[in-house]
């Protein structure tokens, strides 16, 4: 029984769609920032957009599904770090600032 190995993609259409989605998410971020500046729920939405953009980049451009499981998991952790840090800073910013002072 032969195992089929995954090969890197050779077509440009998934990359173009991913690039257009990244541009659309960036424009959406700008519009949301202008319209809802200062809203409490905006940080959650920005963190979600950052995570989606990181996922798209890892999946379509880096092709993380083809990487060794260790590398894939490290990449997932790296992608999750920024949105989590954004949320923690947004909701617990004063505590983090107090911990960081000398």
C-alpha atoms as a PDB file:
ATOM      1  CA  UNK A   1       0.000   0.000   0.000  1.00  0.00           C
ATOM      2  CA  UNK A   2       1.504   3.314  -1.063  1.00  0.00           C
ATOM      3  CA  UNK A   3       1.144   6.474   0.942  1.00  0.00           C
ATOM      4  CA  UNK A   4       0.486   9.605  -1.044  1.00  0.00           C
ATOM      5  CA  UNK A   5       2.736  12.420   0.054  1.00  0.00           C
ATOM      6  CA  UNK A   6       1.471  15.950  -0.091  1.00  0.00           C
ATOM      7  CA  UNK A   7       3.219  18.264  -2.484  1.00  0.00           C
ATOM      8  CA  UNK A   8       3.445  22.052  -2.366  1.00  0.00           C
ATOM      9  CA  UNK A   9       0.787  23.836  -4.392  1.00  0.00           C
ATOM     10  CA  UNK A  10       1.664  24.961  -7.882  1.00  0.00           C
ATOM     11  CA  UNK A  11      -1.406  26.981  -8.803  1.00  0.00           C
ATOM     12  CA  UNK A  12      -1.724  30.678  -8.154  1.00  0.00           C
ATOM     13  CA  UNK A  13      -5.475  30.906  -7.686  1.00  0.00           C
ATOM     14  CA  UNK A  14      -5.491  29.910  -3.962  1.00  0.00           C
ATOM     15  CA  UNK A  15      -2.729  32.435  -3.341  1.00  0.00           C
ATOM     16  CA  UNK A  16      -4.615  35.201  -5.118  1.00  0.00           C
ATOM     17  CA  UNK A  17      -7.771  34.431  -3.141  1.00  0.00           C
ATOM     18  CA  UNK A  18      -5.786  34.415   0.107  1.00  0.00           C
ATOM     19  CA  UNK A  19      -4.092  37.698  -0.802  1.00  0.00           C
ATOM     20  CA  UNK A  20      -7.442  39.299  -1.607  1.00  0.00           C
ATOM     21  CA  UNK A  21      -8.825  38.049   1.708  1.00  0.00           C
ATOM     22  CA  UNK A  22      -5.821  39.556   3.527  1.00  0.00           C
ATOM     23  CA  UNK A  23      -6.375  42.901   1.794  1.00  0.00           C
ATOM     24  CA  UNK A  24     -10.100  42.778   2.611  1.00  0.00           C
ATOM     25  CA  UNK A  25      -9.391  41.997   6.272  1.00  0.00           C
ATOM     26  CA  UNK A  26      -6.901  44.862   6.445  1.00  0.00           C
ATOM     27  CA  UNK A  27      -9.419  47.286   4.961  1.00  0.00           C
ATOM     28  CA  UNK A  28     -12.092  45.952   7.319  1.00  0.00           C
ATOM     29  CA  UNK A  29      -9.756  46.610  10.249  1.00  0.00           C
ATOM     30  CA  UNK A  30      -9.255  50.195   9.136  1.00  0.00           C
ATOM     31  CA  UNK A  31     -12.984  50.808   8.707  1.00  0.00           C
ATOM     32  CA  UNK A  32     -13.834  49.239  12.061  1.00  0.00           C
ATOM     33  CA  UNK A  33     -11.155  51.315  13.757  1.00  0.00           C
ATOM     34  CA  UNK A  34     -12.594  54.513  12.298  1.00  0.00           C
ATOM     35  CA  UNK A  35     -16.245  53.731  13.020  1.00  0.00           C
ATOM     36  CA  UNK A  36     -15.969  52.083  16.422  1.00  0.00           C
ATOM     37  CA  UNK A  37     -12.902  53.768  17.895  1.00  0.00           C
ATOM     38  CA  UNK A  38     -12.865  53.140  21.633  1.00  0.00           C
ATOM     39  CA  UNK A  39     -15.539  50.430  21.703  1.00  0.00           C
ATOM     40  CA  UNK A  40     -14.845  47.757  24.305  1.00  0.00           C
ATOM     41  CA  UNK A  41     -15.599  44.839  21.965  1.00  0.00           C
ATOM     42  CA  UNK A  42     -13.293  46.107  19.211  1.00  0.00           C
ATOM     43  CA  UNK A  43     -10.191  44.512  20.764  1.00  0.00           C
ATOM     44  CA  UNK A  44     -11.795  41.090  20.521  1.00  0.00           C
ATOM     45  CA  UNK A  45     -12.633  41.649  16.862  1.00  0.00           C
ATOM     46  CA  UNK A  46      -9.125  42.926  16.092  1.00  0.00           C
ATOM     47  CA  UNK A  47      -7.598  39.891  17.802  1.00  0.00           C
ATOM     48  CA  UNK A  48      -9.836  37.606  15.735  1.00  0.00           C
ATOM     49  CA  UNK A  49      -8.824  39.387  12.520  1.00  0.00           C
ATOM     50  CA  UNK A  50      -5.135  39.093  13.439  1.00  0.00           C
ATOM     51  CA  UNK A  51      -5.575  35.364  14.092  1.00  0.00           C
ATOM     52  CA  UNK A  52      -7.404  34.820  10.791  1.00  0.00           C
ATOM     53  CA  UNK A  53      -4.711  36.688   8.885  1.00  0.00           C
ATOM     54  CA  UNK A  54      -1.972  34.653  10.560  1.00  0.00           C
ATOM     55  CA  UNK A  55      -3.823  31.439   9.804  1.00  0.00           C
ATOM     56  CA  UNK A  56      -4.245  32.398   6.142  1.00  0.00           C
ATOM     57  CA  UNK A  57      -0.572  33.233   5.790  1.00  0.00           C
ATOM     58  CA  UNK A  58       0.536  30.009   7.469  1.00  0.00           C
ATOM     59  CA  UNK A  59      -1.890  27.850   5.515  1.00  0.00           C
ATOM     60  CA  UNK A  60      -1.620  29.334   2.031  1.00  0.00           C
ATOM     61  CA  UNK A  61       1.813  30.948   1.790  1.00  0.00           C
ATOM     62  CA  UNK A  62       3.932  28.946   4.249  1.00  0.00           C
ATOM     63  CA  UNK A  63       1.940  25.728   3.624  1.00  0.00           C
ATOM     64  CA  UNK A  64       2.142  24.692   7.257  1.00  0.00           C
ATOM     65  CA  UNK A  65       0.117  21.531   6.661  1.00  0.00           C
ATOM     66  CA  UNK A  66       3.143  20.104   4.806  1.00  0.00           C
ATOM     67  CA  UNK A  67       5.559  20.796   7.655  1.00  0.00           C
ATOM     68  CA  UNK A  68       6.676  18.363  10.334  1.00  0.00           C
ATOM     69  CA  UNK A  69       4.100  18.214  13.166  1.00  0.00           C
ATOM     70  CA  UNK A  70       6.521  19.889  15.612  1.00  0.00           C
ATOM     71  CA  UNK A  71       7.108  22.821  13.261  1.00  0.00           C
ATOM     72  CA  UNK A  72       3.383  23.039  12.521  1.00  0.00           C
ATOM     73  CA  UNK A  73       2.567  23.199  16.247  1.00  0.00           C
ATOM     74  CA  UNK A  74       5.232  25.818  16.918  1.00  0.00           C
ATOM     75  CA  UNK A  75       3.777  27.883  14.087  1.00  0.00           C
ATOM     76  CA  UNK A  76       0.271  27.521  15.520  1.00  0.00           C
ATOM     77  CA  UNK A  77       1.519  28.710  18.904  1.00  0.00           C
ATOM     78  CA  UNK A  78       3.282  31.643  17.294  1.00  0.00           C
ATOM     79  CA  UNK A  79       0.113  32.608  15.429  1.00  0.00           C
ATOM     80  CA  UNK A  80      -1.992  32.346  18.605  1.00  0.00           C
ATOM     81  CA  UNK A  81       0.464  34.388  20.709  1.00  0.00           C
ATOM     82  CA  UNK A  82      -0.283  37.815  19.216  1.00  0.00           C
ATOM     83  CA  UNK A  83      -4.103  37.725  19.504  1.00  0.00           C
ATOM     84  CA  UNK A  84      -3.827  36.378  23.047  1.00  0.00           C
ATOM     85  CA  UNK A  85      -1.328  39.111  23.931  1.00  0.00           C
ATOM     86  CA  UNK A  86      -3.651  41.731  22.414  1.00  0.00           C
ATOM     87  CA  UNK A  87      -6.574  40.513  24.489  1.00  0.00           C
ATOM     88  CA  UNK A  88      -4.584  40.270  27.697  1.00  0.00           C
ATOM     89  CA  UNK A  89      -3.189  43.753  27.176  1.00  0.00           C
ATOM     90  CA  UNK A  90      -6.620  45.163  26.342  1.00  0.00           C
ATOM     91  CA  UNK A  91      -8.348  43.707  29.386  1.00  0.00           C
ATOM     92  CA  UNK A  92      -5.485  43.489  31.896  1.00  0.00           C
ATOM     93  CA  UNK A  93      -3.190  46.269  30.677  1.00  0.00           C
ATOM     94  CA  UNK A  94      -2.790  47.949  34.060  1.00  0.00           C
ATOM     95  CA  UNK A  95      -1.662  44.721  35.726  1.00  0.00           C
ATOM     96  CA  UNK A  96       0.874  44.061  32.952  1.00  0.00           C
ATOM     97  CA  UNK A  97       2.178  47.610  33.200  1.00  0.00           C
ATOM     98  CA  UNK A  98       2.553  47.236  36.970  1.00  0.00           C
ATOM     99  CA  UNK A  99       4.458  43.947  36.539  1.00  0.00           C
ATOM    100  CA  UNK A 100       6.786  45.522  33.966  1.00  0.00           C
ATOM    101  CA  UNK A 101       7.811  48.525  36.076  1.00  0.00           C
ATOM    102  CA  UNK A 102      10.914  48.446  38.210  1.00  0.00           C
END
